[in-house]
Amino acid sequence: MKNLNWDDLRIFVRVARGGGLSAAAAELGSSPATIGRRMLALEKVVARPLFVRRQTGYELTDDGRLLLAKALAMEAGARPIEDWLSANGNRPVVRISAGTWIANFLSENFGRIWSPDDQFRIAFKTAEARLDIAHREVEIGVRNQPPDGANLAARPITDAAYAPFRARNHTPQSAENWVAIAPGDASTASTRWTTAQAGFAIAAWANAPRTLYDLIRSGTGKGVVPCFAGDRDPLLERAGEEIAELRHRQWIVMHNDDRHRPEVRTVIERMAALINAHAPLFSGERPMGNG
């Protein structure tokens, strides 16, 4: 075991997360063949198989899953040291994980969460999939439910409401048409809602919220959008009442240790103040107009 090094474990974590060599190679700027050789060497050092190799990708063995848990714990433990080293002479970065709609809202109000005088920078990690706060892939996440993992803390903020929207002053191809996130790409209740309704005529599918939004604005059909996104867009109007079953509380989630860092605490306070100040918009109480 004396030949085991952290670089090999870092590569192993990326192969495990990506389910194969190609994704890890792209992330690390290497070749799949090189990554494959490193994994074979790692298995030789630990003297046990870590992967079941298939044509469709790499699947972890039981020993592989045990090693992944230990490697992730090491990665989380090393993060504060890496942040400290990277901040030497530079401003530290506060990474925010948020879905498309929240990231768009925060970007439009960026001056409320950061100023040029701040001794830190902001990095948005916009993705519908949740990044791992417990293992410090990001410092802050905006979530639709409180965390259930260890070492995580949460701050409740305002509710988010959802409604169907359509293009304003745009003749639709059909008043009955809908647009929706494709079932294979739908990861939340709001993205699954449209396809779960019987009898809806779906004119187009999208694999991402931004494309769905563009389809709605083009007049292709109606679609489900958070009220805080649709109601502040002058090119959209409500196409129906709020969908009550989709309303949910939002939470700012952070690592229990990171939340005490001054820059992280500052961003959390500013984000909470910004979103709560717009509570009527988020809860669907301030529509700009109905068609």
Foldseek 3Di string as FASTA:
>chain_A
DVPDDLVLLVLLLQQAVVQAQPRSCVVVVHDSVVSVVSQVVVCVVVVHDQWDQDPVGTDGDPVVVVSNVVSLVVLLVCVVVVQVVVCVVAQGEAEEEEEPQVVVVCVVVVVLQDDPPDSHYYHYDYDPDDDDQQSPPGFKYKDQDDDDDPQKDKDWAAKWWKAKKAFPPADAPDAQEEEAADPVQDDDCQRCVVVVDPPRHYQYHDNGPVVNVVCRLNRHYIGMDTQLRQQVDPRMAGPDDIPVVRMTIMMMMGGNVSCPPVSNVSSVVSVRVVRNVCNCSRHVNRHPDHD
